[in-house]
Amino acid sequence: MSTDATNADQTYDLIVVGSGAGGMAAAITASIEGRSVLLVEKADRIGGSTAISGGAIWAPLNAQSGPAGHPDTFDNAWTYLQNTVGDAADPDMQRTYLQAGAGMVDYFEKNTQLKLAARTFSPDYYPDRPGAAMGGRSLDPLMFDGRLLGKHFAELRDPMPEFMVLGGMMVTMTDAKHLLAVTRSFTSWREGMKLVLRYFSDRVRGYHRGTRLVLGNALAARLFKTVLDRQIPYWLKSPMQSLITENGKVTGIKVLRGGRTQTLHARCGVVIATGGFPWNAELREKHYPTPTGPWSMSPKDNRGEGIQAALQAGAAMGTGHASAGFWAPVSVLKRPDGTELRYPHLVWDRAKPGLMAVNSAGKRFVNESTSYHEFVLGMYRSHQTVPTFPACLICDSDFMERWGMGLVLPGGRPREHLIRAGYLFKADSLTELAHALGMDAAGLQASAQRFNELAVAGVDTDFGKGSTAYNRYLGDADQTPNPCLGPLRTAPFYAVKVYAGDIGTAAGVRCNANAQALDAQDQPVEGLYVAGNDMHSVMGGQYPAPGITLGPALTFGWIAGRHAARRAVPAQ
């Protein structure tokens, strides 16, 4: 089952291309259902986008919702989807997702290493809309001990370096708050010391990073552990070259492995789950709004080959989505060697009191504490009249010392290198800062004055920062009366430029409720299944809650694995 196997059987019941949540879910399910499976991965590590993600799974009606304090009903969840997704996605696919998601969670909890915990308080992203929930629908993977993977720990994709501390220690938002408060709270000191001691123990023992895995890395690791437990063979560094079709049916793949092309046959079909097309410039230009650029947080391996192979086999792209991507504001650091480091401004800094976002005219254009997806939509709306690419996040010295911003760490940590690199802008006055940014100084001054007035009043009547439960959830509970509003007063002032990045694509291959790829006439392409970001989004490019990419990826991967496993195997 190792990646070094060279004499593997060339015929399997199911072949799965891609090792993120959708791919591993399909492979594991088919294996549990009694089928032989091969998992094929282009990259040299397991985990795909899942391994570098936040790891949340949105699964309304799951069994933990009630015990978490948020009993749910189908009518409530359906009402919420209609008030957020609406007709941006096929209603049958939305209904299938709601009906199947809880069953998927139960199935994996019972049969695999995947263990999840529902959030007791985590508002849906539009909590003021009918049907929204304040918690229970989103689940997180439990922490996983990477040492349980043994030598295969090195085959798990590492999380993004900017989401680790001390060079390799993973932390959640709760962990980060404890680490920032170690000198102010005994509880935080105790929790912080546990984290640090565990991490240094791992490094002393020779691990290349910490083995306390959380977030999406824990999710990928738990699925990977199940792959290992079930002895499902997997091939790394093995990009698919094409699908094999016979009389309109998908019967296998051609894969490049060890420098030569191999032909693999699949009795029950092939699942495509290669992560969408965020790093395919041609597809991005075709489907994304303008301007667009190479600002994705997805792995650079995600170049759309799976989608393109499906189209060549007769499948069709979905239509009618609200957005072709799942957006996030991204800042970019250009390194001396010419490479770039991207940071997604998801949940840490934008909602905190004292941060203001402005366009090139120095004017606010959006609720800074809104969801990352909605923030970028605000950038596109603003750009129709005022250049807003890039937009700028502005803060003062007090904010920077307490919270940091993007790649800039709080607490007086070194930041001059980021200023020299052009990532961080610093000035003794807002006028000087505006000049450094090439921005209208009078506009920035007026915006800051207005922002400070709103902060004193505690109500953002202009854009509503801090006006919803979701906003306040990400703010500073110690800040009153509004946990998301604070002034810009203390020099020096700072700015970071952000671009319209994404965390994955929403446009993909059209599918039915069995995760079967459909052709232009809405007929299944026999033997071809699609999951994850290769599948046309069941959310239609809307982003109603945390975990709406991984939830469908797991659910439709599970559906694909079950459906394929129940197909009649051709006689030998």
Protein backbone atom coordinates (compact mmCIF):
# COMPACT_ATOMS: atom_id res chain seq x y z
CA MET A 1 0.00 0.00 0.00
CA SER A 2 3.01 2.29 0.22
CA THR A 3 3.81 4.94 -2.33
CA ASP A 4 6.73 2.80 -3.44
CA ALA A 5 4.63 -0.16 -4.59
CA THR A 6 5.49 -1.03 -8.19
CA ASN A 7 3.57 -4.24 -8.91
CA ALA A 8 0.08 -3.09 -8.00
CA ASP A 9 -2.94 -4.65 -9.69
CA GLN A 10 -3.85 -2.56 -12.74
CA THR A 11 -7.59 -3.11 -12.30
CA TYR A 12 -9.66 -1.80 -9.38
CA ASP A 13 -13.32 -1.42 -8.62
CA LEU A 14 -12.94 2.33 -8.07
CA ILE A 15 -10.15 4.79 -8.85
CA VAL A 16 -10.15 8.11 -7.02
CA VAL A 17 -8.11 11.01 -8.35
CA GLY A 18 -7.24 13.56 -5.65
CA SER A 19 -6.59 13.10 -1.93
CA GLY A 20 -8.44 15.98 -0.28
CA ALA A 21 -11.59 15.52 1.80
CA GLY A 22 -13.79 14.65 -1.19
CA GLY A 23 -11.37 12.15 -2.67
CA MET A 24 -10.51 10.38 0.56
CA ALA A 25 -14.19 10.30 1.57
CA ALA A 26 -15.06 8.51 -1.69
CA ALA A 27 -12.14 6.08 -1.41
CA ILE A 28 -12.81 5.22 2.22
CA THR A 29 -16.54 4.75 1.64
CA ALA A 30 -16.08 2.43 -1.33
CA SER A 31 -13.55 0.43 0.68
CA ILE A 32 -15.94 0.09 3.61
CA GLU A 33 -18.61 -1.02 1.16
CA GLY A 34 -16.35 -3.85 0.05
CA ARG A 35 -14.74 -2.53 -3.12
CA SER A 36 -11.09 -2.43 -4.14
CA VAL A 37 -9.88 1.15 -4.43
CA LEU A 38 -6.83 3.03 -5.64
CA LEU A 39 -6.21 6.63 -4.56
CA VAL A 40 -4.10 8.64 -7.01
CA GLU A 41 -2.54 11.99 -6.06
CA LYS A 42 -0.61 14.39 -8.29
CA ALA A 43 1.35 16.02 -5.44
CA ASP A 44 3.98 14.46 -3.21
CA ARG A 45 1.77 14.74 -0.11
CA ILE A 46 -1.69 13.61 0.96
CA GLY A 47 -4.40 16.10 1.91
CA GLY A 48 -4.93 18.63 -0.87
CA SER A 49 -6.64 21.89 0.06
CA THR A 50 -8.18 20.20 3.09
CA ALA A 51 -4.83 19.91 4.86
CA ILE A 52 -4.24 23.67 4.75
CA SER A 53 -7.83 24.71 5.47
CA GLY A 54 -9.62 25.78 8.63
CA GLY A 55 -11.21 22.34 8.75
CA ALA A 56 -14.80 23.37 9.55
CA ILE A 57 -17.63 21.21 8.23
CA TRP A 58 -21.13 22.68 7.81
CA ALA A 59 -23.59 19.83 8.30
CA PRO A 60 -27.04 21.00 9.44
CA LEU A 61 -29.20 18.47 11.30
CA ASN A 62 -26.17 16.58 12.61
CA ALA A 63 -26.72 14.58 15.79
CA GLN A 64 -24.63 16.97 17.88
CA SER A 65 -26.68 20.10 17.11
CA GLY A 66 -29.21 19.52 19.89
CA PRO A 67 -26.66 18.60 22.61
CA ALA A 68 -24.64 21.66 21.54
CA GLY A 69 -27.64 23.80 22.42
CA HIS A 70 -28.96 24.43 18.92
CA PRO A 71 -31.64 21.91 17.94
CA ASP A 72 -32.19 22.15 14.22
CA THR A 73 -34.89 21.25 11.73
CA PHE A 74 -34.90 20.63 8.01
CA ASP A 75 -37.34 23.52 7.54
CA ASN A 76 -35.00 25.94 9.34
CA ALA A 77 -31.93 24.83 7.38
CA TRP A 78 -33.84 24.87 4.10
CA THR A 79 -35.20 28.34 4.84
CA TYR A 80 -31.69 29.60 5.51
CA LEU A 81 -30.35 28.16 2.25
CA GLN A 82 -33.21 29.76 0.34
CA ASN A 83 -32.36 33.11 1.94
CA THR A 84 -28.63 32.86 1.18
CA VAL A 85 -28.11 30.53 -1.81
CA GLY A 86 -31.56 30.74 -3.37
CA ASP A 87 -31.63 29.98 -7.08
CA ALA A 88 -27.85 30.30 -7.44
CA ALA A 89 -27.67 26.50 -7.19
CA ASP A 90 -29.84 23.56 -8.21
CA PRO A 91 -32.51 23.15 -5.48
CA ASP A 92 -32.39 19.36 -5.82
CA MET A 93 -28.66 19.41 -5.06
CA GLN A 94 -29.22 21.70 -2.08
CA ARG A 95 -31.95 19.40 -0.79
CA THR A 96 -29.77 16.33 -1.26
CA TYR A 97 -26.98 17.97 0.69
CA LEU A 98 -29.24 18.79 3.64
CA GLN A 99 -30.76 15.32 3.62
CA ALA A 100 -27.42 13.50 3.34
CA GLY A 101 -25.01 15.64 5.37
CA ALA A 102 -26.01 14.35 8.81
CA GLY A 103 -25.93 10.76 7.56
CA MET A 104 -22.42 11.32 6.22
CA VAL A 105 -21.28 12.56 9.65
CA ASP A 106 -22.82 9.52 11.38
CA TYR A 107 -21.26 7.14 8.85
CA PHE A 108 -17.75 8.50 9.26
CA GLU A 109 -18.02 8.82 13.04
CA LYS A 110 -19.00 5.14 13.20
CA ASN A 111 -16.65 3.65 10.61
CA THR A 112 -13.52 5.83 10.46
CA GLN A 113 -11.03 7.85 12.47
CA LEU A 114 -12.95 11.05 11.72
CA LYS A 115 -14.18 12.53 15.01
CA LEU A 116 -15.96 15.88 15.07
CA ALA A 117 -17.28 18.34 17.64
CA ALA A 118 -20.13 20.74 16.96
CA ARG A 119 -19.48 24.37 17.81
CA THR A 120 -21.61 25.51 20.73
CA PHE A 121 -21.49 29.07 19.44
CA SER A 122 -20.64 29.83 15.84
CA PRO A 123 -23.18 31.95 13.99
CA ASP A 124 -23.99 31.34 10.36
CA TYR A 125 -22.52 34.15 8.27
CA TYR A 126 -25.87 35.90 7.78
CA PRO A 127 -27.41 35.48 11.23
CA ASP A 128 -30.09 38.11 10.61
CA ARG A 129 -31.68 36.07 7.80
CA PRO A 130 -34.55 33.65 8.44
CA GLY A 131 -33.45 30.12 9.30
CA ALA A 132 -29.97 31.08 10.51
CA ALA A 133 -28.47 29.25 13.50
CA MET A 134 -26.15 30.52 16.21
CA GLY A 135 -24.26 27.23 16.45
CA GLY A 136 -24.45 23.48 16.12
CA ARG A 137 -24.33 23.32 12.33
CA SER A 138 -20.57 23.72 12.00
CA LEU A 139 -18.29 21.00 13.32
CA ASP A 140 -14.54 20.90 13.82
CA PRO A 141 -12.26 17.86 13.68
CA LEU A 142 -10.90 16.87 17.06
CA MET A 143 -7.18 17.36 17.62
CA PHE A 144 -5.19 14.48 16.16
CA ASP A 145 -1.84 13.09 17.27
CA GLY A 146 0.28 13.00 14.13
CA ARG A 147 2.54 10.42 15.72
CA LEU A 148 -0.21 7.86 15.07
CA LEU A 149 0.61 8.09 11.37
CA GLY A 150 4.08 6.71 12.04
CA LYS A 151 6.45 7.13 9.11
CA HIS A 152 3.52 8.31 6.98
CA PHE A 153 3.35 11.58 8.93
CA ALA A 154 5.92 12.90 6.47
CA GLU A 155 3.46 12.16 3.63
CA LEU A 156 0.76 14.45 5.05
CA ARG A 157 0.68 17.93 3.49
CA ASP A 158 1.95 20.53 5.95
CA PRO A 159 -0.31 23.43 6.93
CA MET A 160 0.53 26.92 5.73
CA PRO A 161 3.60 28.23 7.60
CA GLU A 162 1.85 31.50 8.43
CA PHE A 163 -0.73 29.53 10.44
CA MET A 164 1.95 27.98 12.62
CA VAL A 165 4.08 29.56 15.32
CA LEU A 166 7.64 28.87 16.48
CA GLY A 167 8.42 27.44 13.07
CA GLY A 168 6.00 24.51 13.11
CA MET A 169 3.41 24.53 15.93
CA MET A 170 -0.24 24.52 14.86
CA VAL A 171 -2.63 26.72 16.81
CA THR A 172 -6.37 27.40 16.80
CA MET A 173 -7.91 30.80 17.52
CA THR A 174 -8.32 29.74 21.15
CA ASP A 175 -4.66 28.69 21.32
CA ALA A 176 -3.57 32.02 19.83
CA LYS A 177 -5.57 33.96 22.42
CA HIS A 178 -3.92 31.98 25.22
CA LEU A 179 -0.45 32.56 23.79
CA LEU A 180 -1.10 36.31 23.55
CA ALA A 181 -2.30 36.39 27.16
CA VAL A 182 0.38 34.23 28.85
CA THR A 183 1.63 37.18 30.91
CA ARG A 184 -1.86 38.30 31.95
CA SER A 185 -3.62 35.08 32.94
CA PHE A 186 -2.52 31.97 34.84
CA THR A 187 -4.93 29.86 32.78
CA SER A 188 -3.44 31.19 29.55
CA TRP A 189 0.09 30.68 30.87
CA ARG A 190 -0.71 27.06 31.75
CA GLU A 191 -2.33 26.34 28.38
CA GLY A 192 0.45 28.12 26.52
CA MET A 193 3.12 26.13 28.34
CA LYS A 194 1.38 22.86 27.46
CA LEU A 195 1.44 23.80 23.79
CA VAL A 196 5.07 24.90 23.77
CA LEU A 197 6.37 21.93 25.76
CA ARG A 198 4.54 19.48 23.50
CA TYR A 199 5.95 21.20 20.44
CA PHE A 200 9.56 21.24 21.64
CA SER A 201 9.22 17.58 22.64
CA ASP A 202 8.21 16.78 19.06
CA ARG A 203 11.15 18.66 17.60
CA VAL A 204 13.62 17.02 19.98
CA ARG A 205 12.31 13.64 18.86
CA GLY A 206 13.10 14.51 15.26
CA TYR A 207 9.73 15.47 13.82
CA HIS A 208 9.95 18.15 11.14
CA ARG A 209 7.04 20.02 12.79
CA GLY A 210 4.64 19.68 15.69
CA THR A 211 2.50 16.54 15.80
CA ARG A 212 -0.45 18.14 17.62
CA LEU A 213 -2.67 18.57 14.58
CA VAL A 214 -5.73 20.82 14.50
CA LEU A 215 -7.98 22.50 11.91
CA GLY A 216 -7.95 21.09 8.39
CA ASN A 217 -4.67 19.30 8.98
CA ALA A 218 -6.37 17.22 11.67
CA LEU A 219 -9.24 16.48 9.30
CA ALA A 220 -6.89 15.34 6.54
CA ALA A 221 -4.81 13.33 9.03
CA ARG A 222 -7.87 11.52 10.39
CA LEU A 223 -8.99 10.57 6.90
CA PHE A 224 -5.43 9.55 5.98
CA LYS A 225 -5.21 7.37 9.11
CA THR A 226 -8.36 5.61 7.93
CA VAL A 227 -6.82 5.08 4.48
CA LEU A 228 -3.84 3.48 6.19
CA ASP A 229 -5.97 1.41 8.56
CA ARG A 230 -8.00 0.05 5.66
CA GLN A 231 -4.83 -0.57 3.63
CA ILE A 232 -6.15 1.42 0.69
CA PRO A 233 -3.30 1.73 -1.83
CA TYR A 234 -2.36 5.29 -2.74
CA TRP A 235 0.07 6.67 -5.27
CA LEU A 236 1.76 10.03 -4.75
CA LYS A 237 3.50 12.05 -7.47
CA SER A 238 1.20 10.38 -9.99
CA PRO A 239 -0.71 12.93 -12.09
CA MET A 240 -3.62 11.68 -14.15
CA GLN A 241 -3.03 12.13 -17.87
CA SER A 242 -6.54 11.39 -19.12
CA LEU A 243 -9.71 9.43 -18.54
CA ILE A 244 -10.29 6.25 -20.53
CA THR A 245 -13.69 5.99 -22.18
CA GLU A 246 -15.35 3.11 -23.99
CA ASN A 247 -18.67 3.64 -25.77
CA GLY A 248 -19.31 6.78 -23.74
CA LYS A 249 -18.48 5.13 -20.42
CA VAL A 250 -15.51 6.04 -18.21
CA THR A 251 -13.61 2.83 -17.53
CA GLY A 252 -10.28 3.97 -16.16
CA ILE A 253 -7.44 6.47 -16.32
CA LYS A 254 -3.99 6.93 -17.73
CA VAL A 255 -1.56 8.10 -15.06
CA LEU A 256 2.07 9.20 -15.16
CA ARG A 257 4.06 7.37 -12.51
CA GLY A 258 7.76 6.89 -12.18
CA GLY A 259 8.36 8.54 -15.53
CA ARG A 260 6.06 6.28 -17.55
CA THR A 261 2.38 6.26 -18.40
CA GLN A 262 0.33 3.45 -16.88
CA THR A 263 -3.18 2.38 -17.83
CA LEU A 264 -5.51 1.62 -14.92
CA HIS A 265 -8.96 0.10 -15.28
CA ALA A 266 -11.93 0.78 -13.01
CA ARG A 267 -14.87 -1.65 -12.91
CA CYS A 268 -17.24 0.70 -11.04
CA GLY A 269 -15.95 4.06 -12.14
CA VAL A 270 -13.61 6.97 -11.46
CA VAL A 271 -14.04 9.81 -8.94
CA ILE A 272 -12.49 13.15 -9.88
CA ALA A 273 -11.64 15.32 -6.85
CA THR A 274 -8.57 17.32 -7.82
CA GLY A 275 -9.37 20.66 -6.17
CA GLY A 276 -10.78 22.90 -8.89
CA PHE A 277 -8.92 25.35 -11.13
CA PRO A 278 -7.66 28.33 -9.05
CA TRP A 279 -4.16 28.09 -10.54
CA ASN A 280 -5.27 27.72 -14.15
CA ALA A 281 -4.94 31.21 -15.63
CA GLU A 282 -7.04 30.41 -18.70
CA LEU A 283 -9.99 29.05 -16.72
CA ARG A 284 -9.68 31.83 -14.16
CA GLU A 285 -9.86 34.49 -16.87
CA LYS A 286 -12.86 32.73 -18.38
CA HIS A 287 -14.89 32.27 -15.20
CA TYR A 288 -13.69 34.81 -12.61
CA PRO A 289 -14.73 38.47 -12.54
CA THR A 290 -12.08 41.04 -13.41
CA PRO A 291 -9.61 41.96 -12.21
CA THR A 292 -8.26 38.59 -11.18
CA GLY A 293 -4.77 37.43 -10.45
CA PRO A 294 -2.71 34.61 -9.02
CA TRP A 295 -3.93 35.31 -5.47
CA SER A 296 -5.38 31.93 -4.51
CA MET A 297 -4.70 30.28 -1.16
CA SER A 298 -5.26 26.82 -2.70
CA PRO A 299 -2.27 24.57 -3.42
CA LYS A 300 -0.62 25.39 -6.72
CA ASP A 301 -1.25 21.80 -7.81
CA ASN A 302 -4.93 22.73 -8.29
CA ARG A 303 -4.82 23.63 -11.97
CA GLY A 304 -8.08 22.20 -13.24
CA GLU A 305 -6.77 19.01 -14.88
CA GLY A 306 -9.56 16.98 -13.32
CA ILE A 307 -12.24 19.29 -14.67
CA GLN A 308 -10.64 19.40 -18.09
CA ALA A 309 -10.44 15.59 -18.23
CA ALA A 310 -14.10 15.33 -17.25
CA LEU A 311 -15.09 17.78 -19.99
CA GLN A 312 -13.10 15.79 -22.55
CA ALA A 313 -14.99 12.68 -21.44
CA GLY A 314 -18.32 14.35 -22.20
CA ALA A 315 -19.21 16.13 -18.95
CA ALA A 316 -20.42 19.74 -18.90
CA MET A 317 -19.67 22.70 -16.69
CA GLY A 318 -22.38 23.89 -14.34
CA THR A 319 -24.14 27.19 -14.92
CA GLY A 320 -26.10 29.74 -12.94
CA HIS A 321 -23.73 30.37 -10.04
CA ALA A 322 -23.49 33.65 -8.14
CA SER A 323 -19.68 33.52 -8.00
CA ALA A 324 -17.10 31.31 -9.66
CA GLY A 325 -14.89 31.36 -6.57
CA PHE A 326 -15.02 31.37 -2.80
CA TRP A 327 -13.38 34.69 -2.01
CA ALA A 328 -11.02 35.95 0.67
CA PRO A 329 -8.94 39.14 0.93
CA VAL A 330 -5.30 38.14 0.52
CA SER A 331 -2.14 40.12 1.22
CA VAL A 332 1.06 39.27 -0.64
CA LEU A 333 4.66 39.40 0.53
CA LYS A 334 7.28 39.37 -2.22
CA ARG A 335 10.41 37.62 -1.00
CA PRO A 336 13.93 38.60 -2.08
CA ASP A 337 14.17 35.49 -4.27
CA GLY A 338 11.09 36.56 -6.23
CA THR A 339 8.67 34.05 -4.69
CA GLU A 340 5.50 35.23 -3.02
CA LEU A 341 3.89 34.44 0.32
CA ARG A 342 0.13 34.93 0.55
CA TYR A 343 -1.87 35.52 3.72
CA PRO A 344 -5.68 35.14 3.83
CA HIS A 345 -7.38 37.68 6.09
CA LEU A 346 -10.12 35.33 7.23
CA VAL A 347 -11.13 35.69 10.87
CA TRP A 348 -8.32 37.15 12.96
CA ASP A 349 -7.81 40.84 12.24
CA ARG A 350 -10.61 42.44 10.20
CA ALA A 351 -13.35 42.25 12.84
CA LYS A 352 -11.23 43.58 15.68
CA PRO A 353 -11.85 47.13 16.96
CA GLY A 354 -9.63 49.73 15.32
CA LEU A 355 -9.19 48.29 11.81
CA MET A 356 -10.59 50.21 8.83
CA ALA A 357 -10.65 49.13 5.16
CA VAL A 358 -10.49 51.74 2.38
CA ASN A 359 -10.27 51.99 -1.41
CA SER A 360 -7.84 54.14 -3.44
CA ALA A 361 -9.89 57.25 -2.61
CA GLY A 362 -9.23 56.60 1.07
CA LYS A 363 -12.91 55.84 1.63
CA ARG A 364 -14.49 52.95 3.47
CA PHE A 365 -16.49 50.65 1.21
CA VAL A 366 -17.49 47.61 3.28
CA ASN A 367 -18.26 46.23 6.73
CA GLU A 368 -14.76 45.13 7.71
CA SER A 369 -16.08 42.39 10.00
CA THR A 370 -18.23 40.70 7.39
CA SER A 371 -17.31 37.26 6.06
CA TYR A 372 -14.17 36.97 3.94
CA HIS A 373 -16.31 36.07 0.91
CA GLU A 374 -18.59 39.09 1.36
CA PHE A 375 -15.58 41.38 1.92
CA VAL A 376 -14.21 40.58 -1.55
CA LEU A 377 -17.64 41.00 -3.10
CA GLY A 378 -17.55 44.46 -1.52
CA MET A 379 -14.20 45.08 -3.20
CA TYR A 380 -15.67 44.20 -6.59
CA ARG A 381 -18.70 46.46 -6.02
CA SER A 382 -16.51 49.37 -4.96
CA HIS A 383 -14.16 48.84 -7.92
CA GLN A 384 -17.00 49.59 -10.34
CA THR A 385 -16.67 53.28 -9.45
CA VAL A 386 -13.39 53.67 -7.51
CA PRO A 387 -10.20 51.61 -7.98
CA THR A 388 -10.22 49.09 -5.12
CA PHE A 389 -7.58 46.57 -6.23
CA PRO A 390 -5.76 46.54 -3.98
CA ALA A 391 -7.78 47.74 -1.00
CA CYS A 392 -5.96 48.76 2.16
CA LEU A 393 -6.39 47.66 5.76
CA ILE A 394 -5.53 50.55 8.08
CA CYS A 395 -4.79 50.45 11.81
CA ASP A 396 -2.93 52.39 14.49
CA SER A 397 -0.11 51.46 16.84
CA ASP A 398 -2.37 50.28 19.67
CA PHE A 399 -4.15 47.87 17.34
CA MET A 400 -0.90 46.56 15.87
CA GLU A 401 0.63 45.87 19.28
CA ARG A 402 -2.42 43.98 20.48
CA TRP A 403 -3.64 42.11 17.40
CA GLY A 404 -1.11 42.35 14.59
CA MET A 405 -2.33 42.41 11.00
CA GLY A 406 -1.78 39.75 8.36
CA LEU A 407 1.82 38.57 8.48
CA VAL A 408 2.66 41.27 11.01
CA LEU A 409 2.78 39.75 14.49
CA PRO A 410 1.61 41.66 17.59
CA GLY A 411 3.46 42.45 20.78
CA GLY A 412 6.39 44.44 19.46
CA ARG A 413 7.74 41.60 17.35
CA PRO A 414 10.10 42.48 14.48
CA ARG A 415 8.37 44.05 11.48
CA GLU A 416 10.99 46.21 9.79
CA HIS A 417 11.70 43.44 7.28
CA LEU A 418 8.06 43.58 6.20
CA ILE A 419 8.30 47.33 5.71
CA ARG A 420 11.46 46.97 3.62
CA ALA A 421 9.74 44.30 1.51
CA GLY A 422 6.83 46.63 0.73
CA TYR A 423 4.29 44.43 2.52
CA LEU A 424 3.71 46.74 5.48
CA PHE A 425 3.39 50.53 5.27
CA LYS A 426 4.16 52.70 8.30
CA ALA A 427 3.90 56.47 8.82
CA ASP A 428 3.70 58.98 11.65
CA SER A 429 0.49 60.48 10.30
CA LEU A 430 -2.44 59.39 8.16
CA THR A 431 -1.46 62.01 5.58
CA GLU A 432 2.01 60.50 5.24
CA LEU A 433 0.52 57.02 5.13
CA ALA A 434 -1.83 58.05 2.31
CA HIS A 435 1.08 59.46 0.29
CA ALA A 436 3.06 56.24 0.77
CA LEU A 437 0.07 54.25 -0.49
CA GLY A 438 -0.62 56.57 -3.43
CA MET A 439 -4.01 57.31 -1.90
CA ASP A 440 -6.10 60.46 -1.57
CA ALA A 441 -4.90 61.94 1.74
CA ALA A 442 -7.97 64.10 2.35
CA GLY A 443 -10.22 61.10 1.75
CA LEU A 444 -8.31 58.97 4.23
CA GLN A 445 -8.32 61.72 6.86
CA ALA A 446 -12.06 62.22 6.48
CA SER A 447 -12.72 58.48 6.65
CA ALA A 448 -10.65 58.12 9.81
CA GLN A 449 -12.42 61.06 11.45
CA ARG A 450 -15.82 59.57 10.63
CA PHE A 451 -14.64 56.10 11.73
CA ASN A 452 -13.57 57.51 15.11
CA GLU A 453 -16.92 59.23 15.59
CA LEU A 454 -18.69 55.94 14.95
CA ALA A 455 -16.35 54.16 17.35
CA VAL A 456 -17.21 56.59 20.14
CA ALA A 457 -20.93 56.15 19.44
CA GLY A 458 -20.51 52.38 19.30
CA VAL A 459 -22.72 52.02 16.24
CA ASP A 460 -21.51 51.89 12.64
CA THR A 461 -24.41 53.51 10.84
CA ASP A 462 -22.38 53.63 7.60
CA PHE A 463 -21.50 49.95 7.04
CA GLY A 464 -22.67 48.05 10.10
CA LYS A 465 -19.36 46.84 11.53
CA GLY A 466 -20.28 44.86 14.64
CA SER A 467 -23.99 44.85 13.81
CA THR A 468 -24.51 41.06 13.66
CA ALA A 469 -23.82 38.11 15.93
CA TYR A 470 -21.26 36.82 13.43
CA ASN A 471 -19.41 40.17 13.46
CA ARG A 472 -19.35 40.28 17.25
CA TYR A 473 -18.27 36.63 17.50
CA LEU A 474 -14.97 37.61 15.84
CA GLY A 475 -14.52 40.93 17.67
CA ASP A 476 -13.04 41.70 21.07
CA ALA A 477 -15.44 40.85 23.90
CA ASP A 478 -13.63 43.31 26.19
CA GLN A 479 -14.44 46.23 23.87
CA THR A 480 -17.70 47.99 24.71
CA PRO A 481 -20.25 48.90 23.60
CA ASN A 482 -19.29 47.40 20.21
CA PRO A 483 -16.66 44.61 20.16
CA CYS A 484 -15.77 45.46 16.55
CA LEU A 485 -15.42 49.25 16.77
CA GLY A 486 -12.42 51.16 18.08
CA PRO A 487 -10.67 54.39 17.11
CA LEU A 488 -7.66 55.12 14.90
CA ARG A 489 -5.69 57.57 17.05
CA THR A 490 -2.22 56.47 18.12
CA ALA A 491 0.72 57.01 15.79
CA PRO A 492 2.45 55.42 14.03
CA PHE A 493 -0.21 54.24 11.61
CA TYR A 494 0.03 51.08 9.50
CA ALA A 495 -1.44 49.66 6.30
CA VAL A 496 -1.43 46.36 4.41
CA LYS A 497 -2.69 45.97 0.84
CA VAL A 498 -5.17 43.17 0.10
CA TYR A 499 -6.28 41.62 -3.17
CA ALA A 500 -9.29 39.61 -4.35
CA GLY A 501 -7.99 36.17 -3.45
CA ASP A 502 -9.84 32.89 -3.21
CA ILE A 503 -9.80 29.75 -1.10
CA GLY A 504 -11.11 27.59 -3.93
CA THR A 505 -13.32 27.55 -7.00
CA ALA A 506 -17.11 27.27 -7.00
CA ALA A 507 -17.62 26.72 -10.74
CA GLY A 508 -17.18 23.10 -11.73
CA VAL A 509 -18.59 20.01 -13.37
CA ARG A 510 -22.36 19.70 -13.33
CA CYS A 511 -23.51 16.70 -11.27
CA ASN A 512 -26.67 14.98 -10.09
CA ALA A 513 -27.66 13.90 -6.60
CA ASN A 514 -25.53 10.74 -6.94
CA ALA A 515 -22.42 12.85 -7.62
CA GLN A 516 -22.42 11.56 -11.21
CA ALA A 517 -21.05 13.96 -13.78
CA LEU A 518 -23.70 15.15 -16.25
CA ASP A 519 -23.38 15.95 -19.92
CA ALA A 520 -24.89 18.95 -21.74
CA GLN A 521 -28.25 17.13 -21.91
CA ASP A 522 -28.22 16.51 -18.13
CA GLN A 523 -27.60 12.79 -18.63
CA PRO A 524 -25.04 10.97 -16.45
CA VAL A 525 -21.63 10.23 -17.93
CA GLU A 526 -21.56 6.60 -16.90
CA GLY A 527 -18.68 5.69 -14.63
CA LEU A 528 -17.68 9.28 -13.86
CA TYR A 529 -18.16 10.91 -10.44
CA VAL A 530 -17.04 14.31 -9.19
CA ALA A 531 -16.53 15.66 -5.66
CA GLY A 532 -14.99 18.63 -3.86
CA ASN A 533 -14.19 21.81 -5.76
CA ASP A 534 -14.25 19.96 -9.09
CA MET A 535 -18.03 19.67 -8.59
CA HIS A 536 -20.20 22.66 -9.42
CA SER A 537 -20.87 24.23 -6.04
CA VAL A 538 -24.03 23.12 -4.27
CA MET A 539 -23.86 26.61 -2.73
CA GLY A 540 -23.84 28.28 -6.13
CA GLY A 541 -20.81 30.37 -5.23
CA GLN A 542 -22.51 31.80 -2.14
CA TYR A 543 -20.92 31.44 1.31
CA PRO A 544 -23.62 31.08 3.96
CA ALA A 545 -21.59 29.60 6.83
CA PRO A 546 -18.22 28.20 7.93
CA GLY A 547 -17.51 24.81 6.40
CA ILE A 548 -19.64 25.03 3.25
CA THR A 549 -16.84 23.71 1.05
CA LEU A 550 -15.66 20.77 3.19
CA GLY A 551 -19.20 19.78 4.17
CA PRO A 552 -20.30 19.18 0.56
CA ALA A 553 -16.89 17.68 -0.33
CA LEU A 554 -17.26 14.99 2.33
CA THR A 555 -20.96 14.49 1.68
CA PHE A 556 -20.78 14.05 -2.08
CA GLY A 557 -17.56 12.07 -1.79
CA TRP A 558 -19.49 9.73 0.50
CA ILE A 559 -22.42 9.64 -1.91
CA ALA A 560 -20.10 8.92 -4.85
CA GLY A 561 -18.34 6.11 -3.00
CA ARG A 562 -21.62 4.44 -2.04
CA HIS A 563 -23.20 4.79 -5.45
CA ALA A 564 -20.13 3.47 -7.26
CA ALA A 565 -19.77 0.58 -4.81
CA ARG A 566 -23.33 -0.52 -5.53
CA ARG A 567 -22.88 -0.63 -9.30
CA ALA A 568 -22.86 -4.06 -10.88
CA VAL A 569 -19.29 -5.15 -11.57
CA PRO A 570 -18.79 -6.30 -15.17
CA ALA A 571 -18.23 -10.02 -15.54
CA GLN A 572 -14.58 -10.98 -15.96
